[in-house]
Amino acid sequence: MLPADSLEWAGPRTLLPVARAFLLSLLCHGVLFGLLEVAQRYDLWRLAPLAALARALQLEPARAPQAAAPPVQPAEELPVIFVDVDPSQATTELPPATKFYSATASVAANPDTSRDTGIPKLYGSQEQVLKTSDTLRAAAAAPAVAEALRPAPLPAPPAPPPPRLERAPGDLAFARPAARPDAILVEPVLPEPAPPAEPARTRPRTVAAARAAQLHPDSALLGEKYRQEGGVRRFSVESSMDVRASPFGHYDARFIAAVQQCWYELLERQRYTLDRMGKVVLRFDLEFDGRIGNLIVAESNVGEIYTLLCQLAITKPAPYERWPIEIRRVHQGDSRHIVFTFYY
């Protein structure tokens, strides 16, 4: 039996070679796996002698061709500008990529097909708001609409009573005899008024006159056709634009119509007579439940009063109707950032 002092040093001298062998094994395995990974990643097996011999003897198996990666398609730009499309121009054909959207789709076309500039020629009278047709009222409804917007005439003042004659005591003068009951009253025959001539188209002087001249049974948005130079090869009697149908189209058309109606009512109360020209640009968030938030004035050159009227036209009708389910499906988030421009 060994003495006790020799047992103290037997353990460390025995474990040291085992630990050294274990560490050396880990190092060898790490180097081996590292070399395998590098060879696999950079295809270094083709440099091996056996691989060179196989290529020389044409014994290398044929590799399956690798499928080419599909090209990355650029993200399509979503339409961001609303255009009021005439229902008569609606089409089921998908227009090319465009930044314009509406409730219905339409493709670019115009009467003159001699030019091809990529944009249609529009024969309008204004260059502020994109619009492909004049939203004018029907000719048969013109007198009724104009009469409805015209203030009612004031009633005629009542005729003064005949003067009362003061008779002195003992006056025997008789009053003027009344007409006989069998007398025939002959009414004067007035000439029939000539039919009024159709007035020439002039610029209205008041908001009421402008609204009377811009009512359309197929559109709630008032306005005149846009003027634009250009030309496309596609023929159509009426000019149209490349506009895509969007789930936002029907909702935004009703939203714009509500703002427009409120704006016109505010201008009538202010007795606006088209004497101020300019524009107001507002930025705000339209929430999913119809509320308006973060309203700011981005641009204005018409003064504080008319800028305030534009802000009221946005906020006074709120809350608007909630978003339909179609918008909730395609829009991520509970609000939309909108830029709204008013033109005076």
Protein backbone atom coordinates (compact mmCIF):
# COMPACT_ATOMS: atom_id res chain seq x y z
CA MET A 1 0.00 0.00 0.00
CA LEU A 2 1.24 3.47 -0.89
CA PRO A 3 1.70 6.07 1.76
CA ALA A 4 -0.90 8.79 2.22
CA ASP A 5 1.31 11.57 0.83
CA SER A 6 1.75 9.72 -2.47
CA LEU A 7 -2.05 9.50 -2.97
CA GLU A 8 -2.34 13.30 -3.04
CA TRP A 9 -0.23 13.65 -6.21
CA ALA A 10 -1.42 10.56 -8.07
CA GLY A 11 -4.75 12.15 -9.11
CA PRO A 12 -3.48 15.30 -10.90
CA ARG A 13 -0.70 13.42 -12.69
CA THR A 14 -3.25 10.89 -13.99
CA LEU A 15 -5.94 13.45 -15.18
CA LEU A 16 -3.56 15.78 -17.02
CA PRO A 17 -2.96 13.48 -20.03
CA VAL A 18 -6.73 12.81 -20.31
CA ALA A 19 -7.58 16.50 -20.36
CA ARG A 20 -4.85 17.16 -22.91
CA ALA A 21 -6.19 14.37 -25.17
CA PHE A 22 -9.77 15.67 -24.87
CA LEU A 23 -8.81 19.21 -25.86
CA LEU A 24 -6.74 17.90 -28.77
CA SER A 25 -9.72 15.85 -29.96
CA LEU A 26 -12.01 18.90 -29.85
CA LEU A 27 -9.47 20.92 -31.81
CA CYS A 28 -9.12 18.24 -34.49
CA HIS A 29 -12.88 17.83 -34.87
CA GLY A 30 -13.36 21.61 -35.07
CA VAL A 31 -10.72 21.92 -37.81
CA LEU A 32 -12.21 18.96 -39.70
CA PHE A 33 -15.75 20.31 -39.63
CA GLY A 34 -14.49 23.76 -40.58
CA LEU A 35 -12.71 22.37 -43.63
CA LEU A 36 -15.84 20.44 -44.65
CA GLU A 37 -17.98 23.56 -44.37
CA VAL A 38 -15.53 25.65 -46.42
CA ALA A 39 -15.28 22.96 -49.08
CA GLN A 40 -19.06 22.66 -49.27
CA ARG A 41 -19.65 26.39 -49.46
CA TYR A 42 -17.01 27.19 -52.07
CA ASP A 43 -17.31 23.86 -53.98
CA LEU A 44 -13.69 22.86 -53.33
CA TRP A 45 -14.46 19.20 -53.99
CA ARG A 46 -13.89 19.84 -57.70
CA LEU A 47 -10.19 20.43 -56.88
CA ALA A 48 -9.71 16.99 -55.35
CA PRO A 49 -7.57 14.49 -57.32
CA LEU A 50 -10.41 11.97 -57.59
CA ALA A 51 -12.75 14.67 -58.93
CA ALA A 52 -10.13 15.69 -61.52
CA LEU A 53 -9.74 12.03 -62.53
CA ALA A 54 -13.51 11.64 -62.87
CA ARG A 55 -13.69 14.70 -65.10
CA ALA A 56 -10.86 13.38 -67.23
CA LEU A 57 -12.66 10.05 -67.68
CA GLN A 58 -16.02 11.87 -68.12
CA LEU A 59 -17.43 9.96 -65.15
CA GLU A 60 -18.78 13.03 -63.33
CA PRO A 61 -22.58 12.88 -63.07
CA ALA A 62 -24.44 15.67 -64.79
CA ARG A 63 -25.84 18.28 -62.46
CA ALA A 64 -29.45 19.32 -62.65
CA PRO A 65 -29.75 22.85 -63.98
CA GLN A 66 -30.54 25.31 -61.25
CA ALA A 67 -33.75 27.22 -61.70
CA ALA A 68 -33.12 30.86 -62.33
CA ALA A 69 -34.37 33.11 -59.59
CA PRO A 70 -37.43 35.05 -60.67
CA PRO A 71 -36.71 38.72 -61.34
CA VAL A 72 -37.69 41.03 -58.55
CA GLN A 73 -40.72 43.00 -59.64
CA PRO A 74 -40.71 46.63 -58.54
CA ALA A 75 -43.51 47.50 -56.19
CA GLU A 76 -46.43 48.92 -58.14
CA GLU A 77 -47.32 52.48 -57.21
CA LEU A 78 -50.77 52.65 -55.68
CA PRO A 79 -53.20 55.23 -57.10
CA VAL A 80 -53.30 58.26 -54.82
CA ILE A 81 -55.26 60.95 -56.74
CA PHE A 82 -59.05 60.74 -56.93
CA VAL A 83 -60.70 61.48 -60.29
CA ASP A 84 -64.45 61.72 -60.77
CA VAL A 85 -65.10 59.38 -63.73
CA ASP A 86 -68.28 59.76 -65.76
CA PRO A 87 -70.29 56.49 -65.43
CA SER A 88 -70.68 56.41 -69.21
CA GLN A 89 -66.88 56.00 -69.54
CA ALA A 90 -66.68 52.97 -67.21
CA THR A 91 -64.93 49.90 -68.62
CA THR A 92 -64.03 46.40 -67.50
CA GLU A 93 -60.62 46.65 -69.17
CA LEU A 94 -57.73 47.02 -66.76
CA PRO A 95 -55.93 50.31 -67.47
CA PRO A 96 -52.12 50.52 -67.23
CA ALA A 97 -50.39 51.55 -64.02
CA THR A 98 -51.57 55.01 -63.06
CA LYS A 99 -51.71 57.28 -60.04
CA PHE A 100 -55.43 58.03 -60.55
CA TYR A 101 -58.28 56.07 -58.96
CA SER A 102 -62.06 56.28 -58.82
CA ALA A 103 -65.16 54.22 -58.14
CA THR A 104 -65.04 52.84 -61.70
CA ALA A 105 -62.19 52.20 -64.14
CA SER A 106 -61.63 53.98 -67.46
CA VAL A 107 -58.96 53.93 -70.17
CA ALA A 108 -57.35 56.87 -71.96
CA ALA A 109 -59.12 57.87 -75.17
CA ASN A 110 -60.00 61.01 -77.13
CA PRO A 111 -61.68 62.02 -80.40
CA ASP A 112 -58.42 63.01 -82.13
CA THR A 113 -56.19 59.97 -82.72
CA SER A 114 -53.54 61.72 -84.82
CA ARG A 115 -51.13 62.07 -81.87
CA ASP A 116 -49.73 59.62 -79.36
CA THR A 117 -48.25 61.37 -76.33
CA GLY A 118 -49.27 58.89 -73.65
CA ILE A 119 -51.87 61.21 -72.11
CA PRO A 120 -55.28 62.02 -73.62
CA LYS A 121 -56.32 65.43 -74.82
CA LEU A 122 -59.09 66.89 -72.67
CA TYR A 123 -61.23 69.70 -74.01
CA GLY A 124 -62.11 71.46 -70.77
CA SER A 125 -62.13 74.97 -69.40
CA GLN A 126 -60.13 74.72 -66.14
CA GLU A 127 -56.71 73.43 -65.09
CA GLN A 128 -57.08 72.89 -61.34
CA VAL A 129 -59.21 69.77 -60.73
CA LEU A 130 -58.95 66.62 -62.83
CA LYS A 131 -62.37 65.91 -64.29
CA THR A 132 -63.31 64.20 -67.56
CA SER A 133 -66.81 65.66 -67.99
CA ASP A 134 -68.84 68.72 -67.08
CA THR A 135 -71.23 67.90 -64.27
CA LEU A 136 -73.93 70.15 -65.66
CA ARG A 137 -77.61 69.69 -64.98
CA ALA A 138 -79.97 68.41 -67.62
CA ALA A 139 -81.45 71.09 -69.88
CA ALA A 140 -85.04 70.20 -68.87
CA ALA A 141 -84.27 70.76 -65.20
CA ALA A 142 -82.61 74.15 -65.72
CA PRO A 143 -85.65 76.41 -65.12
CA ALA A 144 -86.78 74.44 -62.08
CA VAL A 145 -83.34 74.43 -60.49
CA ALA A 146 -82.74 78.09 -61.21
CA GLU A 147 -86.19 78.97 -59.81
CA ALA A 148 -85.56 76.90 -56.68
CA LEU A 149 -82.29 78.69 -55.96
CA ARG A 150 -83.73 82.12 -56.66
CA PRO A 151 -85.03 83.99 -53.59
CA ALA A 152 -88.82 84.25 -53.37
CA PRO A 153 -90.22 87.66 -54.41
CA LEU A 154 -91.36 89.93 -51.63
CA PRO A 155 -95.17 90.21 -51.27
CA ALA A 156 -96.75 93.38 -52.66
CA PRO A 157 -97.66 95.94 -49.98
CA PRO A 158 -101.40 96.12 -49.25
CA ALA A 159 -103.35 98.93 -50.92
CA PRO A 160 -104.05 101.86 -48.61
CA PRO A 161 -107.72 102.17 -47.48
CA PRO A 162 -109.79 104.86 -49.20
CA PRO A 163 -109.91 108.16 -47.34
CA ARG A 164 -112.89 108.56 -45.07
CA LEU A 165 -115.03 111.60 -45.86
CA GLU A 166 -116.07 113.65 -42.94
CA ARG A 167 -119.60 114.89 -43.41
CA ALA A 168 -120.88 117.97 -41.73
CA PRO A 169 -124.22 117.78 -39.92
CA GLY A 170 -127.09 118.26 -42.35
CA ASP A 171 -125.04 117.27 -45.46
CA LEU A 172 -127.44 115.59 -47.89
CA ALA A 173 -124.76 114.42 -50.43
CA PHE A 174 -125.21 110.80 -51.40
CA ALA A 175 -122.36 108.33 -51.70
CA ARG A 176 -121.22 107.13 -55.14
CA PRO A 177 -123.56 104.37 -56.33
CA ALA A 178 -122.06 100.91 -56.53
CA ALA A 179 -121.85 98.96 -59.77
CA ARG A 180 -124.91 97.02 -60.76
CA PRO A 181 -124.85 93.30 -59.98
CA ASP A 182 -125.76 92.41 -63.57
CA ALA A 183 -122.91 94.40 -65.07
CA ILE A 184 -120.38 92.44 -67.18
CA LEU A 185 -116.76 92.94 -66.22
CA VAL A 186 -114.42 92.86 -69.20
CA GLU A 187 -110.85 91.87 -68.27
CA PRO A 188 -108.10 93.31 -70.44
CA VAL A 189 -106.38 90.79 -72.70
CA LEU A 190 -102.65 90.86 -72.18
CA PRO A 191 -100.27 89.70 -74.95
CA GLU A 192 -98.56 86.36 -74.34
CA PRO A 193 -94.96 86.81 -73.21
CA ALA A 194 -92.36 85.74 -75.72
CA PRO A 195 -90.31 82.66 -74.74
CA PRO A 196 -87.08 83.73 -73.05
CA ALA A 197 -84.00 83.46 -75.21
CA GLU A 198 -81.36 80.97 -74.09
CA PRO A 199 -78.77 82.99 -72.16
CA ALA A 200 -75.16 82.85 -73.24
CA ARG A 201 -72.83 80.87 -71.00
CA THR A 202 -71.06 83.31 -68.74
CA ARG A 203 -69.18 82.98 -65.51
CA PRO A 204 -71.59 82.98 -62.55
CA ARG A 205 -71.31 85.84 -60.13
CA THR A 206 -72.45 84.02 -56.98
CA VAL A 207 -72.06 80.59 -55.42
CA ALA A 208 -75.80 79.97 -55.75
CA ALA A 209 -75.64 80.66 -59.47
CA ALA A 210 -72.63 78.36 -59.79
CA ARG A 211 -74.45 75.52 -58.02
CA ALA A 212 -77.54 76.07 -60.18
CA ALA A 213 -75.41 75.70 -63.29
CA GLN A 214 -73.55 72.60 -62.09
CA LEU A 215 -75.95 69.87 -61.11
CA HIS A 216 -75.65 66.42 -62.64
CA PRO A 217 -77.97 63.46 -62.03
CA ASP A 218 -75.14 60.90 -62.25
CA SER A 219 -72.56 62.62 -60.05
CA ALA A 220 -72.69 64.37 -56.71
CA LEU A 221 -69.44 66.25 -57.45
CA LEU A 222 -69.78 69.59 -59.17
CA GLY A 223 -67.21 70.96 -61.57
CA GLU A 224 -66.13 71.56 -65.13
CA LYS A 225 -64.04 69.43 -67.45
CA TYR A 226 -60.25 69.60 -67.16
CA ARG A 227 -58.17 71.07 -69.99
CA GLN A 228 -55.08 69.11 -71.00
CA GLU A 229 -52.91 68.93 -74.11
CA GLY A 230 -51.92 65.55 -75.49
CA GLY A 231 -53.34 62.74 -77.56
CA VAL A 232 -53.68 58.94 -77.65
CA ARG A 233 -54.43 56.45 -80.43
CA ARG A 234 -57.56 55.06 -78.76
CA PHE A 235 -60.73 56.66 -80.14
CA SER A 236 -63.69 57.80 -78.10
CA VAL A 237 -66.33 60.43 -78.66
CA GLU A 238 -65.70 61.78 -75.15
CA SER A 239 -62.20 62.08 -73.74
CA SER A 240 -61.27 59.82 -70.83
CA MET A 241 -58.21 59.05 -68.71
CA ASP A 242 -56.39 55.99 -67.40
CA VAL A 243 -58.11 55.55 -64.03
CA ARG A 244 -58.21 52.39 -61.93
CA ALA A 245 -61.17 51.23 -59.87
CA SER A 246 -60.40 51.16 -56.16
CA PRO A 247 -62.23 50.09 -53.00
CA PHE A 248 -61.68 53.66 -51.82
CA GLY A 249 -63.49 55.14 -54.84
CA HIS A 250 -67.13 55.00 -53.71
CA TYR A 251 -66.32 56.11 -50.16
CA ASP A 252 -64.08 59.00 -51.26
CA ALA A 253 -66.68 60.21 -53.78
CA ARG A 254 -69.28 60.50 -51.00
CA PHE A 255 -66.71 62.08 -48.68
CA ILE A 256 -65.72 64.73 -51.23
CA ALA A 257 -69.37 65.46 -52.03
CA ALA A 258 -70.13 66.04 -48.33
CA VAL A 259 -67.17 68.41 -47.96
CA GLN A 260 -68.08 70.23 -51.18
CA GLN A 261 -71.70 70.74 -50.13
CA CYS A 262 -70.70 72.08 -46.71
CA TRP A 263 -68.12 74.41 -48.31
CA TYR A 264 -70.69 75.90 -50.70
CA GLU A 265 -73.16 76.47 -47.86
CA LEU A 266 -70.50 78.27 -45.83
CA LEU A 267 -69.57 80.44 -48.81
CA GLU A 268 -73.21 81.40 -49.36
CA ARG A 269 -73.53 82.48 -45.73
CA GLN A 270 -70.35 84.51 -46.14
CA ARG A 271 -71.86 86.11 -49.29
CA TYR A 272 -68.91 85.04 -51.38
CA THR A 273 -69.13 86.53 -54.89
CA LEU A 274 -66.13 84.90 -56.59
CA ASP A 275 -64.04 87.98 -55.88
CA ARG A 276 -61.19 86.05 -54.23
CA MET A 277 -58.90 83.78 -56.27
CA GLY A 278 -56.42 81.30 -54.86
CA LYS A 279 -56.23 77.91 -53.17
CA VAL A 280 -56.05 76.29 -49.75
CA VAL A 281 -54.25 72.97 -49.15
CA LEU A 282 -55.18 71.03 -45.99
CA ARG A 283 -53.58 67.88 -44.59
CA PHE A 284 -55.40 65.65 -42.12
CA ASP A 285 -55.99 62.07 -40.99
CA LEU A 286 -59.31 60.38 -41.74
CA GLU A 287 -59.96 57.78 -39.05
CA PHE A 288 -61.75 54.48 -39.69
CA ASP A 289 -64.77 55.67 -37.71
CA GLY A 290 -65.14 58.91 -39.71
CA ARG A 291 -63.37 61.28 -37.32
CA ILE A 292 -60.89 63.95 -38.48
CA GLY A 293 -57.53 64.35 -36.76
CA ASN A 294 -54.26 66.28 -37.11
CA LEU A 295 -55.73 68.92 -39.41
CA ILE A 296 -53.08 71.42 -40.56
CA VAL A 297 -52.95 74.14 -43.21
CA ALA A 298 -50.17 73.25 -45.65
CA GLU A 299 -50.72 76.19 -48.03
CA SER A 300 -53.07 79.15 -48.33
CA ASN A 301 -53.12 82.44 -50.21
CA VAL A 302 -56.73 83.58 -49.70
CA GLY A 303 -56.63 85.02 -46.19
CA GLU A 304 -57.63 83.78 -42.76
CA ILE A 305 -61.41 83.92 -43.19
CA TYR A 306 -61.57 81.85 -46.36
CA THR A 307 -58.95 79.46 -44.99
CA LEU A 308 -61.13 78.95 -41.91
CA LEU A 309 -64.12 78.20 -44.14
CA CYS A 310 -62.14 75.39 -45.76
CA GLN A 311 -61.23 73.97 -42.36
CA LEU A 312 -64.88 74.10 -41.29
CA ALA A 313 -65.92 72.36 -44.51
CA ILE A 314 -63.75 69.41 -43.43
CA THR A 315 -64.58 69.30 -39.71
CA LYS A 316 -68.23 70.41 -39.59
CA PRO A 317 -69.76 67.32 -41.33
CA ALA A 318 -67.64 64.98 -39.16
CA PRO A 319 -67.92 62.27 -38.08
CA TYR A 320 -68.35 60.77 -41.53
CA GLU A 321 -69.53 57.24 -42.19
CA ARG A 322 -67.32 54.37 -41.03
CA TRP A 323 -65.07 52.67 -43.52
CA PRO A 324 -66.72 49.76 -45.34
CA ILE A 325 -65.29 46.29 -45.00
CA GLU A 326 -63.67 46.52 -48.47
CA ILE A 327 -61.37 49.33 -47.28
CA ARG A 328 -60.54 47.55 -44.03
CA ARG A 329 -59.37 44.53 -46.01
CA VAL A 330 -56.89 46.37 -48.24
CA HIS A 331 -55.72 49.17 -45.93
CA GLN A 332 -53.31 48.49 -43.10
CA GLY A 333 -54.02 50.81 -40.22
CA ASP A 334 -56.88 52.74 -38.68
CA SER A 335 -56.32 56.07 -40.45
CA ARG A 336 -55.52 57.51 -43.88
CA HIS A 337 -53.47 60.63 -44.49
CA ILE A 338 -55.33 62.86 -46.96
CA VAL A 339 -54.36 66.04 -48.79
CA PHE A 340 -57.41 68.13 -49.77
CA THR A 341 -57.15 71.20 -52.02
CA PHE A 342 -59.78 73.94 -52.29
CA TYR A 343 -59.73 76.31 -55.28
CA TYR A 344 -61.33 79.75 -55.13
